[in-house]
Amino acid sequence: MKILVDENIPLARDPFGSLGDLTLTSGREVDEGFPGLEEFDALVIRSVTKVTAALVDRAVRARFIGTATIGTDHIDVGYICEANGRRENPVTVASAPGSNADSVADYVWFALACLTCGSAEPLGRMSLGVIGHGNCGSRVAGRAEGFGMRVLRCDPPLAEGDPAFGSDALEDAIRADFVTLHVPLTREGESRYPTYHMMGAEQIAQMKPTAYLFNTSRGAVVDSAALVDVLRDGRIAGAVLDVYEGEPEPAEELVGLPVLATPHIAGYAIEAKRRGAAVIYEKMCRALAAEAQDTGALLMRGFEPEVGVTVGFDAPGAADVAADAAVRSLLGRIHDIRATSDELKATSSSARRGELFDRMRRNYEKDYGRHELSVYRVGFHRSVPAKLCAEIGRRLAGFGIRVVDQDANYVLVVR
């Protein structure tokens, strides 16, 4: 079996190598003109590879196309379904929904903690509008509830399929203090609720002037021109962007104007990337009737976090303010999201910005090595009062962070 694999997918050689002969290549180079495309039995890709009708027609031997991403908007699934009726080798399409959900939710909170650093107002008095309450959005909402925030959840398709879920109106959700987008990219004719430019000039104008907009879904969910106008004029407090129209060369202002701008790495925690690859490997084995290896041990291979690192925080006034400050200090110690943003912003006017955008994505694990927050254990120094420990613990539980009495990776200390 011959397998074409995007070289930036972790675990490419192990376990995919057990299934056949691998060819590793840049995902952006894979199109209908890729040399030898007709020889591959399987393609393992990411969102940078656009699987068009022409590509499918050339990949005559392909029986499996797997994308190590949560969505398939970069794959012409409709054409594949139609073409399977006449292909000698019908194609199974697979994705990895939910594999990076915790990573994306963690990213939103790294950003939110960064934006509110030094705030004297507890997050429990603020609101969060979550647009899209699937794998990612529901986890963002769950973390917010640990802080006592008012969460507005907007997901009409989910409400139609689940009578127990009550969707807030989009008009209400976008009036929150923080608005975060977690929807697939769909267009007119593809869905009753198309998301292409769902945050346009009209919707952004309804946001509070003190609000922040987060986009970690797909760039085209937001009307880029409208957002640039709003940010340039200061009509909202700011934006956090991880995805863009025109990737890997978004407009210079889309990178320069947001408070935080990162190169499509929200889902790039080490465990998330490995989990996405493992999910596709397992689906590939099922589709091709091959025996699968156990991938569980691969997710945590090489992870040896520090133990006993002290993290100081100020505890002025009320317990809720102090608890928020403690969690912000912890998140800032674990991952410096502003450093990633500063690195990308420094490339925004470069003639090589597309190349540099992709290089940052490719080197993100090596340069930043972000792990999912749920892998960490946190303890408390005796300087932290019991009531405050309980407040902090409630917030940490939303991230899946375990509070322990010994062998903690991080120990919170009142300065």
Protein backbone atom coordinates (compact mmCIF):
# COMPACT_ATOMS: atom_id res chain seq x y z
CA MET A 1 0.00 0.00 0.00
CA LYS A 2 1.24 3.50 -0.84
CA ILE A 3 0.27 6.29 1.52
CA LEU A 4 0.74 10.05 1.03
CA VAL A 5 1.04 11.90 4.33
CA ASP A 6 1.36 15.60 5.14
CA GLU A 7 4.82 15.91 6.70
CA ASN A 8 3.49 18.20 9.44
CA ILE A 9 1.19 15.54 10.88
CA PRO A 10 2.75 14.04 14.02
CA LEU A 11 3.11 10.28 14.29
CA ALA A 12 3.37 10.10 10.50
CA ARG A 13 5.93 7.31 10.56
CA ASP A 14 4.56 5.66 13.66
CA PRO A 15 1.90 4.31 13.26
CA PHE A 16 1.10 5.05 9.56
CA GLY A 17 4.36 3.44 8.50
CA SER A 18 3.07 0.08 9.70
CA LEU A 19 0.44 0.11 6.96
CA GLY A 20 2.61 0.55 3.89
CA ASP A 21 5.13 2.73 2.06
CA LEU A 22 4.96 6.39 3.12
CA THR A 23 5.61 9.50 1.09
CA LEU A 24 5.89 12.60 3.27
CA THR A 25 5.39 15.98 1.65
CA SER A 26 4.20 19.53 2.27
CA GLY A 27 0.42 19.58 2.40
CA ARG A 28 0.22 22.82 0.42
CA GLU A 29 1.93 21.10 -2.51
CA VAL A 30 -0.72 18.39 -2.80
CA ASP A 31 -3.15 19.20 -5.60
CA GLU A 32 -4.40 17.63 -8.83
CA GLY A 33 -0.96 18.13 -10.37
CA PHE A 34 1.00 16.37 -7.63
CA PRO A 35 3.45 13.86 -9.18
CA GLY A 36 2.36 10.25 -8.86
CA LEU A 37 -0.98 11.11 -7.25
CA GLU A 38 -2.65 8.26 -9.13
CA GLU A 39 -0.39 5.73 -7.36
CA PHE A 40 -1.51 6.35 -3.78
CA ASP A 41 -4.00 4.13 -1.98
CA ALA A 42 -4.56 6.63 0.84
CA LEU A 43 -4.07 10.33 1.51
CA VAL A 44 -3.60 11.70 5.03
CA ILE A 45 -3.88 15.49 4.97
CA ARG A 46 -4.62 18.68 6.90
CA SER A 47 -6.78 21.70 6.08
CA VAL A 48 -4.04 23.23 3.91
CA THR A 49 -4.71 20.60 1.24
CA LYS A 50 -7.77 21.34 -0.90
CA VAL A 51 -9.33 18.12 -2.10
CA THR A 52 -11.06 19.20 -5.31
CA ALA A 53 -12.96 17.17 -7.89
CA ALA A 54 -9.89 17.27 -10.12
CA LEU A 55 -7.69 15.88 -7.35
CA VAL A 56 -10.18 13.09 -6.64
CA ASP A 57 -10.35 12.14 -10.32
CA ARG A 58 -6.56 11.87 -10.55
CA ALA A 59 -6.26 9.83 -7.34
CA VAL A 60 -7.76 6.79 -9.06
CA ARG A 61 -6.36 4.23 -6.61
CA ALA A 62 -7.24 6.14 -3.45
CA ARG A 63 -9.63 4.31 -1.17
CA PHE A 64 -9.20 6.55 1.86
CA ILE A 65 -8.77 10.29 2.41
CA GLY A 66 -8.31 11.25 6.03
CA THR A 67 -7.87 14.75 7.39
CA ALA A 68 -6.33 15.17 10.83
CA THR A 69 -8.66 18.12 11.47
CA ILE A 70 -12.10 18.53 13.01
CA GLY A 71 -13.78 19.69 9.78
CA THR A 72 -13.97 18.75 6.11
CA ASP A 73 -14.73 22.10 4.45
CA HIS A 74 -11.46 21.75 2.49
CA ILE A 75 -12.70 18.48 0.94
CA ASP A 76 -15.33 18.29 -1.80
CA VAL A 77 -17.27 15.60 0.03
CA GLY A 78 -20.31 16.06 -2.21
CA TYR A 79 -18.32 15.29 -5.33
CA ILE A 80 -16.70 12.26 -3.71
CA CYS A 81 -20.11 10.83 -2.81
CA GLU A 82 -21.28 11.34 -6.39
CA ALA A 83 -18.06 9.96 -7.91
CA ASN A 84 -18.03 6.85 -5.70
CA GLY A 85 -20.84 5.40 -7.78
CA ARG A 86 -18.58 5.11 -10.81
CA ARG A 87 -15.14 4.67 -9.24
CA GLU A 88 -13.42 1.30 -9.24
CA ASN A 89 -12.08 2.30 -5.80
CA PRO A 90 -14.72 4.20 -3.80
CA VAL A 91 -13.24 6.70 -1.36
CA THR A 92 -13.88 6.73 2.38
CA VAL A 93 -13.53 10.22 3.85
CA ALA A 94 -12.63 10.60 7.53
CA SER A 95 -11.93 13.49 9.88
CA ALA A 96 -11.12 13.80 13.58
CA PRO A 97 -13.94 15.83 15.17
CA GLY A 98 -13.33 16.68 18.80
CA SER A 99 -9.67 15.66 18.75
CA ASN A 100 -8.42 19.20 19.36
CA ALA A 101 -11.41 20.55 21.26
CA ASP A 102 -9.62 20.87 24.61
CA SER A 103 -6.66 22.52 22.91
CA VAL A 104 -8.91 25.13 21.28
CA ALA A 105 -10.80 25.77 24.51
CA ASP A 106 -7.52 26.15 26.39
CA TYR A 107 -6.32 28.62 23.73
CA VAL A 108 -9.41 30.79 24.18
CA TRP A 109 -8.70 30.94 27.88
CA PHE A 110 -5.01 31.67 27.48
CA ALA A 111 -6.14 34.63 25.38
CA LEU A 112 -8.92 35.69 27.74
CA ALA A 113 -6.55 35.55 30.72
CA CYS A 114 -4.03 37.65 28.80
CA LEU A 115 -6.64 40.27 27.84
CA THR A 116 -7.97 40.65 31.38
CA CYS A 117 -4.61 40.60 33.16
CA GLY A 118 -4.65 43.12 35.99
CA SER A 119 -8.43 43.58 35.90
CA ALA A 120 -10.03 44.40 39.24
CA GLU A 121 -13.42 43.19 38.02
CA PRO A 122 -14.06 39.46 38.53
CA LEU A 123 -14.86 37.45 35.44
CA GLY A 124 -18.00 36.27 37.23
CA ARG A 125 -19.53 39.66 36.50
CA MET A 126 -18.85 39.35 32.77
CA SER A 127 -20.59 37.47 29.98
CA LEU A 128 -19.39 35.13 27.24
CA GLY A 129 -21.19 34.57 23.96
CA VAL A 130 -20.38 31.15 22.50
CA ILE A 131 -21.39 30.85 18.85
CA GLY A 132 -21.40 27.13 18.10
CA HIS A 133 -21.83 24.77 21.05
CA GLY A 134 -20.20 21.64 19.66
CA ASN A 135 -17.02 19.95 20.82
CA CYS A 136 -15.01 23.17 21.12
CA GLY A 137 -17.71 25.65 22.11
CA SER A 138 -19.13 23.47 24.86
CA ARG A 139 -15.70 23.14 26.43
CA VAL A 140 -15.12 26.90 26.32
CA ALA A 141 -18.50 27.37 27.99
CA GLY A 142 -17.69 24.79 30.66
CA ARG A 143 -14.50 26.61 31.59
CA ALA A 144 -16.42 29.89 31.81
CA GLU A 145 -18.95 28.39 34.21
CA GLY A 146 -16.12 27.59 36.61
CA PHE A 147 -15.53 31.34 36.85
CA GLY A 148 -19.24 32.06 37.34
CA MET A 149 -19.56 33.88 34.02
CA ARG A 150 -22.92 34.32 32.33
CA VAL A 151 -22.72 32.15 29.22
CA LEU A 152 -24.93 32.67 26.18
CA ARG A 153 -24.93 29.68 23.83
CA CYS A 154 -26.02 30.16 20.22
CA ASP A 155 -26.36 27.01 18.12
CA PRO A 156 -29.66 26.74 16.20
CA PRO A 157 -28.71 23.50 14.37
CA LEU A 158 -27.93 21.83 17.70
CA ALA A 159 -31.25 23.03 19.15
CA GLU A 160 -33.11 21.47 16.22
CA GLY A 161 -31.52 18.10 16.82
CA ASP A 162 -31.50 18.18 20.62
CA PRO A 163 -34.73 19.32 22.32
CA ALA A 164 -32.86 19.56 25.63
CA PHE A 165 -30.61 22.31 24.28
CA GLY A 166 -31.98 25.83 24.25
CA SER A 167 -30.16 28.12 21.83
CA ASP A 168 -29.77 31.77 22.67
CA ALA A 169 -30.41 34.18 19.80
CA LEU A 170 -27.37 35.34 17.86
CA GLU A 171 -28.41 38.95 18.56
CA ASP A 172 -28.14 38.26 22.30
CA ALA A 173 -24.93 36.24 22.20
CA ILE A 174 -23.02 38.91 20.27
CA ARG A 175 -23.89 41.45 22.96
CA ALA A 176 -21.68 39.62 25.47
CA ASP A 177 -18.42 41.00 26.84
CA PHE A 178 -16.50 38.30 24.96
CA VAL A 179 -17.79 36.64 21.77
CA THR A 180 -16.11 33.46 20.59
CA LEU A 181 -16.78 31.58 17.32
CA HIS A 182 -16.75 27.78 17.08
CA VAL A 183 -18.71 26.92 13.95
CA PRO A 184 -17.91 25.01 10.76
CA LEU A 185 -17.64 26.98 7.53
CA THR A 186 -20.79 26.49 5.44
CA ARG A 187 -22.24 28.51 2.58
CA GLU A 188 -25.66 29.16 1.10
CA GLY A 189 -27.13 25.91 -0.15
CA GLU A 190 -24.93 23.78 2.12
CA SER A 191 -26.81 24.45 5.34
CA ARG A 192 -29.96 26.09 6.61
CA TYR A 193 -27.63 28.13 8.80
CA PRO A 194 -24.71 29.18 6.56
CA THR A 195 -21.77 30.55 8.49
CA TYR A 196 -19.84 32.26 5.70
CA HIS A 197 -19.44 35.89 6.88
CA MET A 198 -21.97 35.28 9.63
CA MET A 199 -20.12 37.99 11.57
CA GLY A 200 -20.48 40.79 9.04
CA ALA A 201 -20.67 44.55 9.41
CA GLU A 202 -24.21 44.41 10.80
CA GLN A 203 -23.40 41.80 13.45
CA ILE A 204 -20.10 43.36 14.54
CA ALA A 205 -21.86 46.72 14.89
CA GLN A 206 -24.16 45.14 17.48
CA MET A 207 -21.25 44.21 19.75
CA LYS A 208 -20.49 46.30 22.81
CA PRO A 209 -17.76 48.90 22.32
CA THR A 210 -15.96 47.24 25.26
CA ALA A 211 -16.25 43.71 23.81
CA TYR A 212 -13.70 41.37 22.25
CA LEU A 213 -14.25 39.03 19.31
CA PHE A 214 -12.42 35.67 19.18
CA ASN A 215 -12.21 33.54 16.04
CA THR A 216 -10.63 30.09 16.18
CA SER A 217 -12.99 28.41 13.69
CA ARG A 218 -12.47 29.42 10.05
CA GLY A 219 -11.34 32.78 8.74
CA ALA A 220 -14.28 33.25 6.37
CA VAL A 221 -16.80 33.03 9.22
CA VAL A 222 -15.92 36.72 9.76
CA ASP A 223 -16.16 39.39 7.06
CA SER A 224 -12.53 40.47 7.14
CA ALA A 225 -13.08 43.89 5.55
CA ALA A 226 -15.83 44.72 8.04
CA LEU A 227 -13.67 43.62 10.98
CA VAL A 228 -10.71 45.66 9.79
CA ASP A 229 -12.92 48.76 9.55
CA VAL A 230 -14.24 48.24 13.08
CA LEU A 231 -10.81 47.60 14.58
CA ARG A 232 -9.25 50.52 12.76
CA ASP A 233 -11.95 52.84 14.12
CA GLY A 234 -11.84 51.35 17.63
CA ARG A 235 -15.55 50.49 17.66
CA ILE A 236 -14.92 47.35 19.73
CA ALA A 237 -12.22 46.78 22.32
CA GLY A 238 -10.35 44.31 20.16
CA ALA A 239 -10.11 40.93 18.51
CA VAL A 240 -8.23 37.67 18.96
CA LEU A 241 -7.66 35.92 15.64
CA ASP A 242 -6.15 32.52 14.99
CA VAL A 243 -7.72 31.99 11.56
CA TYR A 244 -7.96 34.27 8.54
CA GLU A 245 -9.31 34.65 5.07
CA GLY A 246 -6.40 34.37 2.66
CA GLU A 247 -4.22 32.02 4.72
CA PRO A 248 -1.27 31.70 4.73
CA GLU A 249 -1.03 35.34 3.59
CA PRO A 250 -3.84 37.20 5.36
CA ALA A 251 -4.13 40.93 4.83
CA GLU A 252 -1.53 42.80 6.82
CA GLU A 253 -4.17 44.63 8.88
CA LEU A 254 -5.81 41.34 9.92
CA VAL A 255 -2.60 40.47 11.72
CA GLY A 256 -1.58 43.94 12.83
CA LEU A 257 -4.86 45.28 14.24
CA PRO A 258 -6.05 42.46 16.58
CA VAL A 259 -4.85 42.49 20.18
CA LEU A 260 -3.64 38.93 19.67
CA ALA A 261 -3.01 37.24 16.31
CA THR A 262 -1.64 33.71 15.99
CA PRO A 263 -0.97 31.46 12.96
CA HIS A 264 -3.84 28.93 13.09
CA ILE A 265 -2.45 27.03 16.06
CA ALA A 266 -5.34 27.08 18.55
CA GLY A 267 -5.74 23.32 18.14
CA TYR A 268 -1.99 22.66 18.18
CA ALA A 269 -1.43 21.43 21.71
CA ILE A 270 0.87 18.43 21.47
CA GLU A 271 -1.74 15.93 22.65
CA ALA A 272 -4.36 17.35 20.28
CA LYS A 273 -2.19 17.01 17.18
CA ARG A 274 -1.19 13.49 18.12
CA ARG A 275 -4.80 12.58 18.94
CA GLY A 276 -5.97 13.81 15.54
CA ALA A 277 -3.39 11.63 13.80
CA ALA A 278 -4.28 8.64 15.97
CA VAL A 279 -7.99 9.00 15.20
CA ILE A 280 -7.31 9.07 11.45
CA TYR A 281 -4.97 6.09 11.72
CA GLU A 282 -7.63 4.04 13.52
CA LYS A 283 -10.34 5.02 11.00
CA MET A 284 -7.96 4.19 8.16
CA CYS A 285 -7.37 0.73 9.58
CA ARG A 286 -11.10 0.10 9.85
CA ALA A 287 -11.75 1.36 6.31
CA LEU A 288 -8.97 -0.73 4.79
CA ALA A 289 -9.47 -3.81 7.00
CA ALA A 290 -6.00 -3.51 8.53
CA GLU A 291 -5.02 -4.41 12.08
CA ALA A 292 -4.46 -1.31 14.20
CA GLN A 293 -1.70 -0.75 16.72
CA ASP A 294 -2.50 0.64 20.16
CA THR A 295 -1.94 4.42 19.93
CA GLY A 296 -2.68 5.31 23.56
CA ALA A 297 0.94 5.47 24.67
CA LEU A 298 1.89 7.72 21.76
CA LEU A 299 -0.16 10.67 23.02
CA MET A 300 2.06 11.28 26.04
CA ARG A 301 5.38 10.04 24.68
CA GLY A 302 8.26 12.22 25.85
CA PHE A 303 6.18 14.35 28.23
CA GLU A 304 7.96 14.91 31.53
CA PRO A 305 6.58 18.10 33.08
CA GLU A 306 8.42 19.91 35.81
CA VAL A 307 7.37 19.33 39.41
CA GLY A 308 7.18 21.89 42.20
CA VAL A 309 7.32 25.09 40.11
CA THR A 310 6.02 27.96 42.24
CA VAL A 311 3.65 30.49 40.70
CA GLY A 312 3.05 33.65 42.68
CA PHE A 313 -0.09 35.77 42.49
CA ASP A 314 -1.49 38.83 44.20
CA ALA A 315 -4.60 38.31 46.34
CA PRO A 316 -6.10 41.74 46.94
CA GLY A 317 -9.66 42.12 48.17
CA ALA A 318 -12.42 39.65 47.42
CA ALA A 319 -11.81 35.94 46.95
CA ASP A 320 -13.27 35.89 43.43
CA VAL A 321 -10.86 38.58 42.24
CA ALA A 322 -7.92 36.80 43.88
CA ALA A 323 -8.95 33.42 42.43
CA ASP A 324 -9.14 34.92 38.93
CA ALA A 325 -5.70 36.43 39.46
CA ALA A 326 -4.30 33.06 40.53
CA VAL A 327 -5.60 31.28 37.45
CA ARG A 328 -4.33 34.05 35.16
CA SER A 329 -0.87 33.77 36.70
CA LEU A 330 -0.93 29.99 36.26
CA LEU A 331 -2.05 30.15 32.62
CA GLY A 332 0.55 32.80 31.87
CA ARG A 333 3.26 30.62 33.38
CA ILE A 334 2.21 27.56 31.42
CA HIS A 335 1.98 29.28 28.03
CA ASP A 336 2.86 32.77 26.80
CA ILE A 337 0.29 33.40 24.07
CA ARG A 338 1.49 36.96 23.55
CA ALA A 339 4.91 35.69 22.50
CA THR A 340 3.31 33.72 19.67
CA SER A 341 1.28 36.77 18.69
CA ASP A 342 4.30 39.06 18.72
CA GLU A 343 6.21 36.63 16.50
CA LEU A 344 3.42 36.57 13.91
CA LYS A 345 2.86 40.33 14.04
CA ALA A 346 6.53 40.87 13.29
CA THR A 347 6.01 39.11 9.93
CA SER A 348 2.87 40.97 8.82
CA SER A 349 4.63 43.39 6.44
CA SER A 350 7.17 40.88 5.12
CA ALA A 351 7.09 39.84 1.48
CA ARG A 352 7.66 36.31 2.83
CA ARG A 353 4.80 36.41 5.32
CA GLY A 354 3.05 33.36 3.84
CA GLU A 355 6.20 31.29 4.14
CA LEU A 356 6.77 32.58 7.68
CA PHE A 357 3.14 31.86 8.65
CA ASP A 358 3.55 28.23 7.61
CA ARG A 359 6.96 28.00 9.27
CA MET A 360 5.47 29.13 12.59
CA ARG A 361 2.78 26.48 12.32
CA ARG A 362 5.33 23.82 11.43
CA ASN A 363 7.68 24.77 14.28
CA TYR A 364 5.03 25.56 16.89
CA GLU A 365 5.51 22.37 18.89
CA LYS A 366 9.30 22.76 18.91
CA ASP A 367 9.25 26.49 19.74
CA TYR A 368 6.40 26.58 22.25
CA GLY A 369 5.61 22.98 23.23
CA ARG A 370 2.12 23.71 24.51
CA HIS A 371 0.32 20.88 26.28
CA GLU A 372 -3.35 20.56 27.13
CA LEU A 373 -4.06 21.99 30.55
CA SER A 374 -5.70 18.79 31.78
CA VAL A 375 -2.32 17.04 31.97
CA TYR A 376 -1.13 19.25 34.83
CA ARG A 377 -1.41 18.89 38.61
CA VAL A 378 -1.63 21.98 40.82
CA GLY A 379 -1.11 22.38 44.54
CA PHE A 380 -1.40 25.23 47.07
CA HIS A 381 1.19 26.76 49.36
CA ARG A 382 0.14 27.31 52.97
CA SER A 383 -0.07 31.05 52.19
CA VAL A 384 -3.31 30.42 50.26
CA PRO A 385 -6.35 30.49 52.60
CA ALA A 386 -8.72 27.53 52.47
CA LYS A 387 -11.61 29.60 51.09
CA LEU A 388 -9.41 30.88 48.30
CA CYS A 389 -8.18 27.35 47.56
CA ALA A 390 -11.79 26.32 47.02
CA GLU A 391 -12.44 29.25 44.68
CA ILE A 392 -9.34 28.50 42.64
CA GLY A 393 -10.08 24.78 42.59
CA ARG A 394 -13.55 25.39 41.16
CA ARG A 395 -12.01 27.33 38.28
CA LEU A 396 -9.27 24.77 37.64
CA ALA A 397 -11.81 21.93 37.50
CA GLY A 398 -13.25 23.43 34.33
CA PHE A 399 -9.89 22.89 32.62
CA GLY A 400 -9.56 19.34 33.90
CA ILE A 401 -6.59 20.41 36.05
CA ARG A 402 -6.19 18.20 39.11
CA VAL A 403 -5.63 19.75 42.54
CA VAL A 404 -3.20 17.60 44.56
CA ASP A 405 -1.40 17.70 47.88
CA GLN A 406 1.92 16.42 46.59
CA ASP A 407 3.89 16.00 43.35
CA ALA A 408 2.21 19.06 41.87
CA ASN A 409 3.64 20.48 38.65
CA TYR A 410 2.78 23.99 39.84
CA VAL A 411 2.32 25.33 43.35
CA LEU A 412 0.30 28.53 43.75
CA VAL A 413 1.68 31.00 46.28
CA VAL A 414 0.28 34.31 47.49
CA ARG A 415 2.87 37.01 46.95
